[in-house]
């Protein structure tokens, strides 16, 4: 015989529910840009994705980042993949994935440092990604936390790494493909030889 209990109306359930609601209401989120706390009742705030809080003003400034920087970071991402990791990638797949991630609120700089974290520090397997950047959304927050902690321990480390990546991209050796010159073999014959063959 099975006995089912309905605990939704029990006093214990109500007390636990009220305590959880109190804890949730005590949570004070902080802006991901300026790192200041957000008072939900007073401040003008926005949450573009789950658990990512911003002051509306900070979010607008962050979204208005210079497009030249985006192009520079895009070049740095491809440079990192091809020259530092020495892997083959599918350009159009990477482009499509980057556009999708930027729409979700991620930055190209964040994507670059996520790749640096996952493949450079954690030694992830590139072949599992099938030539794309599909791992980035899954380790983006973990990588961001890693770089924040590392920056707190070693001031300026992120800027130094970024400078190294820029210098590496600037020193890329461009291989100029030279056209291979093939010389045609000269065929020489004389009419005298042909006349001798005809007489026989």
Protein backbone atom coordinates (compact mmCIF):
# COMPACT_ATOMS: atom_id res chain seq x y z
CA UNK A 1 0.00 0.00 0.00
CA UNK A 2 1.44 3.36 -1.06
CA UNK A 3 0.82 6.42 0.99
CA UNK A 4 1.22 9.83 -0.61
CA UNK A 5 1.63 12.86 1.57
CA UNK A 6 0.86 16.35 0.41
CA UNK A 7 3.37 18.55 2.22
CA UNK A 8 2.65 21.75 0.34
CA UNK A 9 0.22 22.91 3.02
CA UNK A 10 2.25 21.73 5.98
CA UNK A 11 3.72 24.32 8.35
CA UNK A 12 7.27 22.97 7.88
CA UNK A 13 7.14 23.48 4.12
CA UNK A 14 5.81 27.02 4.55
CA UNK A 15 8.63 27.93 6.96
CA UNK A 16 11.31 26.52 4.62
CA UNK A 17 9.77 28.35 1.66
CA UNK A 18 9.71 31.67 3.56
CA UNK A 19 13.34 31.26 4.67
CA UNK A 20 14.45 30.58 1.10
CA UNK A 21 12.59 33.65 -0.16
CA UNK A 22 14.29 35.76 2.51
CA UNK A 23 17.72 34.51 1.43
CA UNK A 24 16.92 35.21 -2.21
CA UNK A 25 15.72 38.72 -1.40
CA UNK A 26 18.93 39.37 0.57
CA UNK A 27 21.05 38.65 -2.51
CA UNK A 28 22.52 41.87 -3.88
CA UNK A 29 23.80 41.47 -7.44
CA UNK A 30 26.71 43.51 -8.73
CA UNK A 31 27.20 45.13 -12.11
CA UNK A 32 29.48 43.08 -14.34
CA UNK A 33 31.09 46.23 -15.75
CA UNK A 34 31.66 48.59 -12.81
CA UNK A 35 31.46 45.88 -10.08
CA UNK A 36 29.25 48.09 -7.89
CA UNK A 37 26.21 46.60 -6.12
CA UNK A 38 22.82 47.03 -7.78
CA UNK A 39 19.84 48.01 -5.67
CA UNK A 40 16.97 46.54 -7.64
CA UNK A 41 14.42 48.89 -6.13
CA UNK A 42 16.35 52.12 -6.79
CA UNK A 43 18.87 51.61 -9.59
CA UNK A 44 18.10 51.44 -13.29
CA UNK A 45 19.37 47.96 -14.15
CA UNK A 46 19.16 45.34 -16.88
CA UNK A 47 19.65 41.55 -17.03
CA UNK A 48 20.28 40.56 -20.70
CA UNK A 49 20.97 36.92 -19.79
CA UNK A 50 20.35 34.83 -16.70
CA UNK A 51 22.29 35.99 -13.63
CA UNK A 52 24.14 38.73 -15.50
CA UNK A 53 23.23 42.08 -13.99
CA UNK A 54 24.28 45.48 -15.33
CA UNK A 55 23.49 49.11 -14.65
CA UNK A 56 21.66 50.25 -17.77
CA UNK A 57 24.22 53.03 -18.33
CA UNK A 58 27.18 50.64 -17.92
CA UNK A 59 25.59 48.13 -20.29
CA UNK A 60 25.06 50.77 -23.00
CA UNK A 61 28.66 51.98 -22.74
CA UNK A 62 29.94 48.41 -22.79
CA UNK A 63 27.88 47.59 -25.90
CA UNK A 64 29.15 50.74 -27.68
CA UNK A 65 32.71 49.42 -27.69
CA UNK A 66 34.85 50.44 -30.63
CA UNK A 67 34.27 48.18 -33.68
CA UNK A 68 37.95 48.55 -34.55
CA UNK A 69 38.75 46.77 -31.29
CA UNK A 70 36.39 43.98 -32.33
CA UNK A 71 38.19 43.54 -35.63
CA UNK A 72 41.55 43.57 -33.85
CA UNK A 73 40.42 40.90 -31.38
CA UNK A 74 38.98 38.83 -34.22
CA UNK A 75 42.39 38.90 -35.95
CA UNK A 76 44.07 38.02 -32.64
CA UNK A 77 41.73 35.03 -32.20
CA UNK A 78 42.57 33.68 -35.64
CA UNK A 79 46.26 34.40 -35.09
CA UNK A 80 46.15 32.53 -31.78
CA UNK A 81 44.46 29.53 -33.40
CA UNK A 82 46.73 29.31 -36.41
CA UNK A 83 50.12 30.35 -35.02
CA UNK A 84 50.10 29.61 -31.30
CA UNK A 85 47.92 26.48 -31.28
CA UNK A 86 48.87 25.53 -34.85
CA UNK A 87 45.46 24.02 -35.57
CA UNK A 88 43.18 24.08 -38.55
CA UNK A 89 39.82 25.80 -38.10
CA UNK A 90 36.69 26.32 -40.17
CA UNK A 91 36.56 30.05 -40.78
CA UNK A 92 32.83 30.38 -41.49
CA UNK A 93 31.85 28.23 -38.54
CA UNK A 94 34.05 30.33 -36.25
CA UNK A 95 32.59 33.56 -37.65
CA UNK A 96 29.04 32.35 -37.11
CA UNK A 97 29.79 31.17 -33.58
CA UNK A 98 31.50 34.46 -32.68
CA UNK A 99 28.51 36.50 -33.92
CA UNK A 100 26.16 34.35 -31.85
CA UNK A 101 28.31 34.68 -28.73
CA UNK A 102 28.57 38.47 -29.10
CA UNK A 103 24.76 38.67 -29.35
CA UNK A 104 24.57 36.65 -26.12
CA UNK A 105 26.67 39.29 -24.35
CA UNK A 106 30.15 37.83 -24.63
CA UNK A 107 33.04 39.94 -25.91
CA UNK A 108 35.67 39.00 -28.47
CA UNK A 109 38.33 39.78 -25.89
CA UNK A 110 36.60 37.37 -23.53
CA UNK A 111 36.47 34.74 -26.26
CA UNK A 112 40.20 35.17 -26.89
CA UNK A 113 41.05 34.76 -23.22
CA UNK A 114 38.66 31.81 -22.92
CA UNK A 115 40.54 30.08 -25.75
CA UNK A 116 43.84 30.96 -24.09
CA UNK A 117 42.54 29.50 -20.80
CA UNK A 118 41.02 26.30 -22.20
CA UNK A 119 43.65 25.34 -24.76
CA UNK A 120 46.74 27.04 -23.34
CA UNK A 121 46.30 26.48 -19.61
CA UNK A 122 43.93 23.51 -19.27
CA UNK A 123 45.33 21.83 -22.43
CA UNK A 124 41.91 21.04 -23.89
CA UNK A 125 41.61 18.87 -26.98
CA UNK A 126 41.07 20.96 -30.14
CA UNK A 127 39.92 17.98 -32.20
CA UNK A 128 36.75 17.59 -30.11
CA UNK A 129 35.64 21.03 -31.29
CA UNK A 130 35.49 19.96 -34.97
CA UNK A 131 37.29 23.10 -36.12
CA UNK A 132 35.03 25.57 -34.31
CA UNK A 133 34.75 27.58 -31.11
CA UNK A 134 31.90 25.56 -29.62
CA UNK A 135 33.62 25.06 -26.27
CA UNK A 136 33.70 28.78 -25.49
CA UNK A 137 30.12 29.17 -24.11
CA UNK A 138 30.67 26.27 -21.72
CA UNK A 139 33.91 27.53 -20.16
CA UNK A 140 33.48 31.32 -20.63
CA UNK A 141 32.44 32.03 -17.01
CA UNK A 142 35.07 29.66 -15.61
CA UNK A 143 37.75 31.34 -17.73
CA UNK A 144 36.56 34.81 -16.72
CA UNK A 145 36.77 33.85 -13.06
CA UNK A 146 40.25 32.38 -13.60
CA UNK A 147 41.53 35.58 -15.25
CA UNK A 148 39.96 37.79 -12.56
CA UNK A 149 41.64 35.73 -9.84
CA UNK A 150 44.94 35.72 -11.70
CA UNK A 151 44.75 39.49 -12.23
CA UNK A 152 44.10 39.97 -8.51
CA UNK A 153 47.16 37.84 -7.68
CA UNK A 154 49.46 39.29 -10.33
CA UNK A 155 48.53 42.84 -11.27
CA UNK A 156 48.83 43.50 -14.99
CA UNK A 157 49.14 39.85 -16.08
CA UNK A 158 46.17 40.07 -18.46
CA UNK A 159 47.65 43.13 -20.19
CA UNK A 160 51.02 41.37 -20.50
CA UNK A 161 49.43 38.29 -22.06
CA UNK A 162 47.43 40.47 -24.43
CA UNK A 163 50.62 42.29 -25.42
CA UNK A 164 52.37 38.96 -26.06
CA UNK A 165 49.54 37.84 -28.32
CA UNK A 166 49.71 41.14 -30.23
CA UNK A 167 53.47 40.87 -30.65
CA UNK A 168 53.13 37.27 -31.81
CA UNK A 169 50.56 38.34 -34.41
CA UNK A 170 52.82 41.18 -35.58
CA UNK A 171 55.79 38.85 -36.04
CA UNK A 172 53.90 36.39 -38.16
CA UNK A 173 55.97 35.27 -41.04
CA UNK A 174 54.07 35.64 -44.22
CA UNK A 175 55.11 33.09 -46.76
CA UNK A 176 55.06 34.45 -50.26
CA UNK A 177 54.19 31.74 -52.71
CA UNK A 178 56.48 32.01 -55.64
CA UNK A 179 55.32 30.81 -58.96
CA UNK A 180 57.25 27.79 -59.96
CA UNK A 181 58.88 28.37 -63.29
CA UNK A 182 58.99 25.34 -65.46
CA UNK A 183 61.07 25.47 -68.54
CA UNK A 184 59.84 23.77 -71.58
CA UNK A 185 62.16 21.28 -73.03
CA UNK A 186 63.33 22.43 -76.39
CA UNK A 187 62.83 19.92 -79.07
CA UNK A 188 65.26 20.26 -81.83
CA UNK A 189 65.02 18.55 -85.10
CA UNK A 190 66.22 19.28 -88.50
CA UNK A 191 64.61 18.70 -91.82
CA UNK A 192 67.72 16.97 -93.01
CA UNK A 193 67.07 14.10 -90.60
CA UNK A 194 63.56 13.62 -91.94
CA UNK A 195 64.73 13.56 -95.54
CA UNK A 196 67.20 10.80 -94.70
CA UNK A 197 64.40 8.71 -93.17
CA UNK A 198 62.18 9.14 -96.23
CA UNK A 199 64.84 7.83 -98.61
CA UNK A 200 65.18 4.48 -96.87
